[in-house]
């Protein structure tokens, strides 16, 4: 069963490994995510070499810089034509607005409009971590504050932890996208993730997409792991 919800995080730097993982899980997931590790080493050419489909690609680079620099990065990333990419909400309103304007500018030229998401609070952080860097907590309050900033500046959604799904769905409405990492099937290790949830519970709470990394890519049989998670969601067939 193919899931319309699962994004498999291909957290590896070797092109052959990424290519093999993508091929193995493709029948069971919506698409794949690549992040800084792979992109810093291989750049846009690596995406093509790994045989990744940009239309089912989450380009997870988390841009965070002055507005002009982020706008330039968004223009450059738009040439890859990913399905979605992201920035850090903590960059502020001007940066978020510049990112959206650059995405819209490129969409008007290419006819392709990726989802533009913002990361609120990393799922590896908790209340104590926020306090240690001088951010006002608790985590839920900071996430809510940043998400309002993101929505007010016209972005399509946020990357948030599972614990914030229900709150943000109530706050932001049905059309605002919630992309949720830190997903762990029952019995899986949490590793460095501090705010986690099972796939079924995350969907029930209102998540749009689930980003699942190590439970799939570190499994002895990644295809079997992806298939088991997809089957557990019991999604209706595509129309």
C-alpha atoms as a PDB file:
ATOM      1  CA  UNK A   1       0.000   0.000   0.000  1.00  0.00           C
ATOM      2  CA  UNK A   2       1.352   3.427  -0.947  1.00  0.00           C
ATOM      3  CA  UNK A   3       0.957   6.065   1.738  1.00  0.00           C
ATOM      4  CA  UNK A   4       0.020   9.610   0.807  1.00  0.00           C
ATOM      5  CA  UNK A   5       1.409  10.764   4.159  1.00  0.00           C
ATOM      6  CA  UNK A   6       4.880   9.300   4.652  1.00  0.00           C
ATOM      7  CA  UNK A   7       8.047  11.155   3.678  1.00  0.00           C
ATOM      8  CA  UNK A   8      11.068   8.889   4.045  1.00  0.00           C
ATOM      9  CA  UNK A   9      14.113  10.777   5.293  1.00  0.00           C
ATOM     10  CA  UNK A  10      17.108   9.567   3.285  1.00  0.00           C
ATOM     11  CA  UNK A  11      19.725  10.558   5.847  1.00  0.00           C
ATOM     12  CA  UNK A  12      22.872   9.397   4.084  1.00  0.00           C
ATOM     13  CA  UNK A  13      25.641  10.990   2.044  1.00  0.00           C
ATOM     14  CA  UNK A  14      26.480   8.150  -0.337  1.00  0.00           C
ATOM     15  CA  UNK A  15      24.623   8.568  -3.625  1.00  0.00           C
ATOM     16  CA  UNK A  16      24.365   4.826  -4.148  1.00  0.00           C
ATOM     17  CA  UNK A  17      22.881   4.342  -0.687  1.00  0.00           C
ATOM     18  CA  UNK A  18      20.355   7.140  -1.201  1.00  0.00           C
ATOM     19  CA  UNK A  19      19.407   5.757  -4.602  1.00  0.00           C
ATOM     20  CA  UNK A  20      18.895   2.263  -3.206  1.00  0.00           C
ATOM     21  CA  UNK A  21      16.824   3.545  -0.271  1.00  0.00           C
ATOM     22  CA  UNK A  22      14.626   5.661  -2.530  1.00  0.00           C
ATOM     23  CA  UNK A  23      13.959   2.744  -4.867  1.00  0.00           C
ATOM     24  CA  UNK A  24      13.212   0.392  -1.985  1.00  0.00           C
ATOM     25  CA  UNK A  25      10.662   2.600  -0.238  1.00  0.00           C
ATOM     26  CA  UNK A  26       9.091   4.291  -3.278  1.00  0.00           C
ATOM     27  CA  UNK A  27       6.112   1.897  -3.519  1.00  0.00           C
ATOM     28  CA  UNK A  28       5.064   2.651   0.067  1.00  0.00           C
ATOM     29  CA  UNK A  29       5.669   6.375   0.649  1.00  0.00           C
ATOM     30  CA  UNK A  30       4.549   9.718  -0.737  1.00  0.00           C
ATOM     31  CA  UNK A  31       8.091  10.842  -1.311  1.00  0.00           C
ATOM     32  CA  UNK A  32      11.550  11.378   0.146  1.00  0.00           C
ATOM     33  CA  UNK A  33      13.450  14.017   2.071  1.00  0.00           C
ATOM     34  CA  UNK A  34      17.077  14.978   1.724  1.00  0.00           C
ATOM     35  CA  UNK A  35      18.838  17.348   4.056  1.00  0.00           C
ATOM     36  CA  UNK A  36      22.072  19.146   4.685  1.00  0.00           C
ATOM     37  CA  UNK A  37      24.322  16.098   4.888  1.00  0.00           C
ATOM     38  CA  UNK A  38      23.574  14.978   1.347  1.00  0.00           C
ATOM     39  CA  UNK A  39      23.111  18.420  -0.189  1.00  0.00           C
ATOM     40  CA  UNK A  40      26.327  19.933   1.166  1.00  0.00           C
ATOM     41  CA  UNK A  41      28.316  17.041  -0.282  1.00  0.00           C
ATOM     42  CA  UNK A  42      26.578  16.650  -3.649  1.00  0.00           C
ATOM     43  CA  UNK A  43      24.469  19.727  -4.370  1.00  0.00           C
ATOM     44  CA  UNK A  44      21.626  19.747  -6.913  1.00  0.00           C
ATOM     45  CA  UNK A  45      23.491  17.341  -9.200  1.00  0.00           C
ATOM     46  CA  UNK A  46      23.311  14.698  -6.494  1.00  0.00           C
ATOM     47  CA  UNK A  47      19.520  14.736  -6.583  1.00  0.00           C
ATOM     48  CA  UNK A  48      19.570  13.800 -10.255  1.00  0.00           C
ATOM     49  CA  UNK A  49      22.335  11.225  -9.812  1.00  0.00           C
ATOM     50  CA  UNK A  50      20.357   9.555  -7.032  1.00  0.00           C
ATOM     51  CA  UNK A  51      17.320   9.314  -9.301  1.00  0.00           C
ATOM     52  CA  UNK A  52      15.090  11.287  -6.932  1.00  0.00           C
ATOM     53  CA  UNK A  53      11.800  12.622  -8.288  1.00  0.00           C
ATOM     54  CA  UNK A  54      11.682  16.375  -7.523  1.00  0.00           C
ATOM     55  CA  UNK A  55       7.876  16.282  -7.587  1.00  0.00           C
ATOM     56  CA  UNK A  56       8.011  14.022  -4.528  1.00  0.00           C
ATOM     57  CA  UNK A  57      10.982  15.659  -2.833  1.00  0.00           C
ATOM     58  CA  UNK A  58      11.135  17.568   0.442  1.00  0.00           C
ATOM     59  CA  UNK A  59      14.294  19.684   0.243  1.00  0.00           C
ATOM     60  CA  UNK A  60      15.051  20.120   3.937  1.00  0.00           C
ATOM     61  CA  UNK A  61      17.738  22.824   4.084  1.00  0.00           C
ATOM     62  CA  UNK A  62      16.192  25.113   6.729  1.00  0.00           C
ATOM     63  CA  UNK A  63      17.398  28.466   5.356  1.00  0.00           C
ATOM     64  CA  UNK A  64      18.059  31.015   8.115  1.00  0.00           C
ATOM     65  CA  UNK A  65      19.885  34.224   7.260  1.00  0.00           C
ATOM     66  CA  UNK A  66      19.232  37.865   6.450  1.00  0.00           C
ATOM     67  CA  UNK A  67      16.179  38.350   4.197  1.00  0.00           C
ATOM     68  CA  UNK A  68      18.115  39.073   1.000  1.00  0.00           C
ATOM     69  CA  UNK A  69      20.307  35.999   1.383  1.00  0.00           C
ATOM     70  CA  UNK A  70      17.349  33.721   2.107  1.00  0.00           C
ATOM     71  CA  UNK A  71      15.474  35.115  -0.895  1.00  0.00           C
ATOM     72  CA  UNK A  72      18.468  34.270  -3.082  1.00  0.00           C
ATOM     73  CA  UNK A  73      18.663  30.776  -1.645  1.00  0.00           C
ATOM     74  CA  UNK A  74      14.965  30.224  -2.326  1.00  0.00           C
ATOM     75  CA  UNK A  75      15.436  31.325  -5.958  1.00  0.00           C
ATOM     76  CA  UNK A  76      18.356  28.929  -6.350  1.00  0.00           C
ATOM     77  CA  UNK A  77      16.506  26.027  -4.715  1.00  0.00           C
ATOM     78  CA  UNK A  78      13.447  26.657  -6.881  1.00  0.00           C
ATOM     79  CA  UNK A  79      15.465  25.579  -9.916  1.00  0.00           C
ATOM     80  CA  UNK A  80      15.437  22.046  -8.473  1.00  0.00           C
ATOM     81  CA  UNK A  81      11.609  22.158  -8.578  1.00  0.00           C
ATOM     82  CA  UNK A  82      11.072  20.312  -5.276  1.00  0.00           C
ATOM     83  CA  UNK A  83       7.602  19.599  -3.947  1.00  0.00           C
ATOM     84  CA  UNK A  84       8.434  21.447  -0.728  1.00  0.00           C
ATOM     85  CA  UNK A  85      11.289  23.257   0.980  1.00  0.00           C
ATOM     86  CA  UNK A  86      11.755  25.168   4.205  1.00  0.00           C
ATOM     87  CA  UNK A  87      13.202  28.026   6.208  1.00  0.00           C
ATOM     88  CA  UNK A  88      13.554  28.703   9.934  1.00  0.00           C
ATOM     89  CA  UNK A  89      10.631  30.654  11.401  1.00  0.00           C
ATOM     90  CA  UNK A  90      13.046  32.195  13.885  1.00  0.00           C
ATOM     91  CA  UNK A  91      14.486  34.317  11.077  1.00  0.00           C
ATOM     92  CA  UNK A  92      11.659  36.790  11.640  1.00  0.00           C
ATOM     93  CA  UNK A  93       8.851  38.379   9.675  1.00  0.00           C
ATOM     94  CA  UNK A  94      11.026  40.163   7.109  1.00  0.00           C
ATOM     95  CA  UNK A  95      12.916  36.986   6.290  1.00  0.00           C
ATOM     96  CA  UNK A  96       9.710  34.955   5.992  1.00  0.00           C
ATOM     97  CA  UNK A  97       8.128  37.561   3.727  1.00  0.00           C
ATOM     98  CA  UNK A  98      11.251  37.668   1.544  1.00  0.00           C
ATOM     99  CA  UNK A  99      11.241  33.876   1.226  1.00  0.00           C
ATOM    100  CA  UNK A 100       7.584  33.830   0.206  1.00  0.00           C
ATOM    101  CA  UNK A 101       8.078  36.631  -2.315  1.00  0.00           C
ATOM    102  CA  UNK A 102      11.055  34.829  -3.876  1.00  0.00           C
ATOM    103  CA  UNK A 103       9.106  31.562  -4.069  1.00  0.00           C
ATOM    104  CA  UNK A 104       6.171  33.341  -5.705  1.00  0.00           C
ATOM    105  CA  UNK A 105       8.477  35.159  -8.117  1.00  0.00           C
ATOM    106  CA  UNK A 106      10.036  31.912  -9.272  1.00  0.00           C
ATOM    107  CA  UNK A 107       6.652  30.201  -9.480  1.00  0.00           C
ATOM    108  CA  UNK A 108       5.415  32.900 -11.840  1.00  0.00           C
ATOM    109  CA  UNK A 109       8.392  32.201 -14.112  1.00  0.00           C
ATOM    110  CA  UNK A 110       8.430  28.405 -13.999  1.00  0.00           C
ATOM    111  CA  UNK A 111       4.794  27.496 -13.371  1.00  0.00           C
ATOM    112  CA  UNK A 112       5.938  25.331 -10.435  1.00  0.00           C
ATOM    113  CA  UNK A 113       5.018  26.446  -6.898  1.00  0.00           C
ATOM    114  CA  UNK A 114       6.580  24.338  -4.130  1.00  0.00           C
ATOM    115  CA  UNK A 115       5.122  24.342  -0.654  1.00  0.00           C
ATOM    116  CA  UNK A 116       7.100  26.775   1.480  1.00  0.00           C
ATOM    117  CA  UNK A 117       7.314  25.623   5.089  1.00  0.00           C
ATOM    118  CA  UNK A 118       8.966  26.992   8.203  1.00  0.00           C
ATOM    119  CA  UNK A 119      10.576  25.120  11.073  1.00  0.00           C
ATOM    120  CA  UNK A 120       9.296  26.315  14.449  1.00  0.00           C
ATOM    121  CA  UNK A 121      11.191  24.581  17.288  1.00  0.00           C
ATOM    122  CA  UNK A 122      13.449  21.646  16.438  1.00  0.00           C
ATOM    123  CA  UNK A 123      12.124  18.329  17.726  1.00  0.00           C
ATOM    124  CA  UNK A 124      15.445  17.725  19.481  1.00  0.00           C
ATOM    125  CA  UNK A 125      14.738  20.668  21.838  1.00  0.00           C
ATOM    126  CA  UNK A 126      12.665  20.855  25.009  1.00  0.00           C
ATOM    127  CA  UNK A 127      11.792  23.624  27.499  1.00  0.00           C
ATOM    128  CA  UNK A 128      15.201  23.480  29.179  1.00  0.00           C
ATOM    129  CA  UNK A 129      16.977  23.798  25.828  1.00  0.00           C
ATOM    130  CA  UNK A 130      14.962  26.910  24.940  1.00  0.00           C
ATOM    131  CA  UNK A 131      15.756  28.487  28.291  1.00  0.00           C
ATOM    132  CA  UNK A 132      19.468  27.785  27.837  1.00  0.00           C
ATOM    133  CA  UNK A 133      19.575  29.911  24.670  1.00  0.00           C
ATOM    134  CA  UNK A 134      17.398  32.690  26.059  1.00  0.00           C
ATOM    135  CA  UNK A 135      14.195  31.897  24.165  1.00  0.00           C
ATOM    136  CA  UNK A 136      10.877  32.384  25.864  1.00  0.00           C
ATOM    137  CA  UNK A 137       9.176  29.071  26.604  1.00  0.00           C
ATOM    138  CA  UNK A 138       7.574  26.752  27.170  1.00  0.00           C
ATOM    139  CA  UNK A 139       8.002  25.008  23.816  1.00  0.00           C
ATOM    140  CA  UNK A 140       4.258  25.035  23.056  1.00  0.00           C
ATOM    141  CA  UNK A 141       4.066  28.804  23.501  1.00  0.00           C
ATOM    142  CA  UNK A 142       7.097  29.410  21.297  1.00  0.00           C
ATOM    143  CA  UNK A 143       5.746  27.114  18.592  1.00  0.00           C
ATOM    144  CA  UNK A 144       2.393  28.863  18.677  1.00  0.00           C
ATOM    145  CA  UNK A 145       4.006  32.300  18.472  1.00  0.00           C
ATOM    146  CA  UNK A 146       6.242  31.325  15.549  1.00  0.00           C
ATOM    147  CA  UNK A 147       3.456  29.542  13.684  1.00  0.00           C
ATOM    148  CA  UNK A 148       1.262  32.644  13.832  1.00  0.00           C
ATOM    149  CA  UNK A 149       4.172  34.614  12.373  1.00  0.00           C
ATOM    150  CA  UNK A 150       4.566  32.056   9.591  1.00  0.00           C
ATOM    151  CA  UNK A 151       0.884  32.048   8.671  1.00  0.00           C
ATOM    152  CA  UNK A 152       0.623  35.845   8.814  1.00  0.00           C
ATOM    153  CA  UNK A 153       3.452  36.079   6.285  1.00  0.00           C
ATOM    154  CA  UNK A 154       1.762  33.791   3.782  1.00  0.00           C
ATOM    155  CA  UNK A 155       3.769  30.580   4.019  1.00  0.00           C
ATOM    156  CA  UNK A 156       2.025  27.270   3.413  1.00  0.00           C
ATOM    157  CA  UNK A 157       2.713  25.521   6.690  1.00  0.00           C
ATOM    158  CA  UNK A 158       5.188  24.549   9.365  1.00  0.00           C
ATOM    159  CA  UNK A 159       7.406  21.688  10.378  1.00  0.00           C
ATOM    160  CA  UNK A 160       6.346  20.946  13.935  1.00  0.00           C
ATOM    161  CA  UNK A 161       6.526  18.189  16.509  1.00  0.00           C
ATOM    162  CA  UNK A 162       3.697  15.743  17.016  1.00  0.00           C
ATOM    163  CA  UNK A 163       2.803  17.278  20.362  1.00  0.00           C
ATOM    164  CA  UNK A 164       1.779  20.532  18.672  1.00  0.00           C
ATOM    165  CA  UNK A 165      -0.362  19.060  15.873  1.00  0.00           C
ATOM    166  CA  UNK A 166      -3.805  19.335  17.484  1.00  0.00           C
ATOM    167  CA  UNK A 167      -3.158  22.844  18.807  1.00  0.00           C
ATOM    168  CA  UNK A 168      -1.891  24.156  15.469  1.00  0.00           C
ATOM    169  CA  UNK A 169      -4.675  22.494  13.512  1.00  0.00           C
ATOM    170  CA  UNK A 170      -7.202  24.335  15.694  1.00  0.00           C
ATOM    171  CA  UNK A 171      -5.304  27.617  15.397  1.00  0.00           C
ATOM    172  CA  UNK A 172      -4.508  27.535  11.686  1.00  0.00           C
ATOM    173  CA  UNK A 173      -7.362  25.696   9.964  1.00  0.00           C
ATOM    174  CA  UNK A 174      -7.572  22.768   7.609  1.00  0.00           C
ATOM    175  CA  UNK A 175      -5.552  24.183   4.699  1.00  0.00           C
ATOM    176  CA  UNK A 176      -2.393  25.044   6.638  1.00  0.00           C
ATOM    177  CA  UNK A 177       0.135  22.227   6.181  1.00  0.00           C
ATOM    178  CA  UNK A 178       1.612  20.421   9.174  1.00  0.00           C
ATOM    179  CA  UNK A 179       4.714  18.366   8.374  1.00  0.00           C
ATOM    180  CA  UNK A 180       5.778  16.304  11.359  1.00  0.00           C
ATOM    181  CA  UNK A 181       9.188  14.712  12.044  1.00  0.00           C
ATOM    182  CA  UNK A 182      10.047  12.761  15.171  1.00  0.00           C
ATOM    183  CA  UNK A 183       7.631   9.972  14.219  1.00  0.00           C
ATOM    184  CA  UNK A 184       8.382   6.644  15.836  1.00  0.00           C
ATOM    185  CA  UNK A 185       6.375   3.411  15.434  1.00  0.00           C
ATOM    186  CA  UNK A 186       5.500   1.667  18.668  1.00  0.00           C
ATOM    187  CA  UNK A 187       8.634   0.175  20.240  1.00  0.00           C
ATOM    188  CA  UNK A 188      11.116   2.154  18.125  1.00  0.00           C
ATOM    189  CA  UNK A 189      13.990   4.008  19.789  1.00  0.00           C
ATOM    190  CA  UNK A 190      13.537   7.785  20.121  1.00  0.00           C
ATOM    191  CA  UNK A 191      17.283   8.525  19.577  1.00  0.00           C
ATOM    192  CA  UNK A 192      17.825  12.331  19.821  1.00  0.00           C
ATOM    193  CA  UNK A 193      14.150  13.209  19.360  1.00  0.00           C
ATOM    194  CA  UNK A 194      12.494  14.538  22.522  1.00  0.00           C
ATOM    195  CA  UNK A 195       8.942  15.130  21.232  1.00  0.00           C
ATOM    196  CA  UNK A 196       7.705  12.026  19.401  1.00  0.00           C
ATOM    197  CA  UNK A 197       4.468  10.188  18.502  1.00  0.00           C
ATOM    198  CA  UNK A 198       3.379   7.076  16.628  1.00  0.00           C
ATOM    199  CA  UNK A 199       2.340   7.430  12.954  1.00  0.00           C
ATOM    200  CA  UNK A 200      -1.331   6.605  13.555  1.00  0.00           C
ATOM    201  CA  UNK A 201      -1.662   8.995  16.475  1.00  0.00           C
ATOM    202  CA  UNK A 202      -0.028  11.814  14.488  1.00  0.00           C
ATOM    203  CA  UNK A 203      -2.441  11.375  11.575  1.00  0.00           C
ATOM    204  CA  UNK A 204      -5.400  11.228  13.953  1.00  0.00           C
ATOM    205  CA  UNK A 205      -4.252  14.485  15.539  1.00  0.00           C
ATOM    206  CA  UNK A 206      -4.246  16.243  12.155  1.00  0.00           C
ATOM    207  CA  UNK A 207      -0.794  15.878  10.572  1.00  0.00           C
ATOM    208  CA  UNK A 208      -0.585  16.198   6.778  1.00  0.00           C
ATOM    209  CA  UNK A 209       2.803  14.534   6.265  1.00  0.00           C
ATOM    210  CA  UNK A 210       4.968  12.349   8.501  1.00  0.00           C
ATOM    211  CA  UNK A 211       8.749  12.554   8.132  1.00  0.00           C
ATOM    212  CA  UNK A 212      10.179   9.193   9.153  1.00  0.00           C
ATOM    213  CA  UNK A 213      13.922   8.591   9.154  1.00  0.00           C
ATOM    214  CA  UNK A 214      15.739   5.986  11.201  1.00  0.00           C
ATOM    215  CA  UNK A 215      12.789   3.606  11.704  1.00  0.00           C
ATOM    216  CA  UNK A 216      12.922   3.178   7.912  1.00  0.00           C
ATOM    217  CA  UNK A 217      16.435   3.950   6.720  1.00  0.00           C
ATOM    218  CA  UNK A 218      18.214   2.171   9.589  1.00  0.00           C
ATOM    219  CA  UNK A 219      15.971  -0.906   9.461  1.00  0.00           C
ATOM    220  CA  UNK A 220      17.460  -4.203   8.240  1.00  0.00           C
ATOM    221  CA  UNK A 221      14.849  -4.131   5.461  1.00  0.00           C
ATOM    222  CA  UNK A 222      13.834  -0.513   4.736  1.00  0.00           C
ATOM    223  CA  UNK A 223      11.157  -1.566   2.226  1.00  0.00           C
ATOM    224  CA  UNK A 224       9.504  -3.863   4.758  1.00  0.00           C
ATOM    225  CA  UNK A 225       9.663  -1.160   7.418  1.00  0.00           C
ATOM    226  CA  UNK A 226       8.075   1.419   5.119  1.00  0.00           C
ATOM    227  CA  UNK A 227       5.405  -1.039   4.056  1.00  0.00           C
ATOM    228  CA  UNK A 228       4.524  -1.913   7.654  1.00  0.00           C
ATOM    229  CA  UNK A 229       4.141   1.756   8.607  1.00  0.00           C
ATOM    230  CA  UNK A 230       2.041   2.481   5.518  1.00  0.00           C
ATOM    231  CA  UNK A 231      -0.181  -0.516   6.227  1.00  0.00           C
ATOM    232  CA  UNK A 232      -0.640   0.616   9.828  1.00  0.00           C
ATOM    233  CA  UNK A 233      -2.161   3.892   8.667  1.00  0.00           C
ATOM    234  CA  UNK A 234      -4.927   2.110   6.747  1.00  0.00           C
ATOM    235  CA  UNK A 235      -5.443   4.998   4.382  1.00  0.00           C
ATOM    236  CA  UNK A 236      -8.227   4.844   1.811  1.00  0.00           C
ATOM    237  CA  UNK A 237      -7.242   4.057  -1.746  1.00  0.00           C
ATOM    238  CA  UNK A 238      -6.436   6.920  -4.068  1.00  0.00           C
ATOM    239  CA  UNK A 239      -9.499   8.128  -6.024  1.00  0.00           C
END
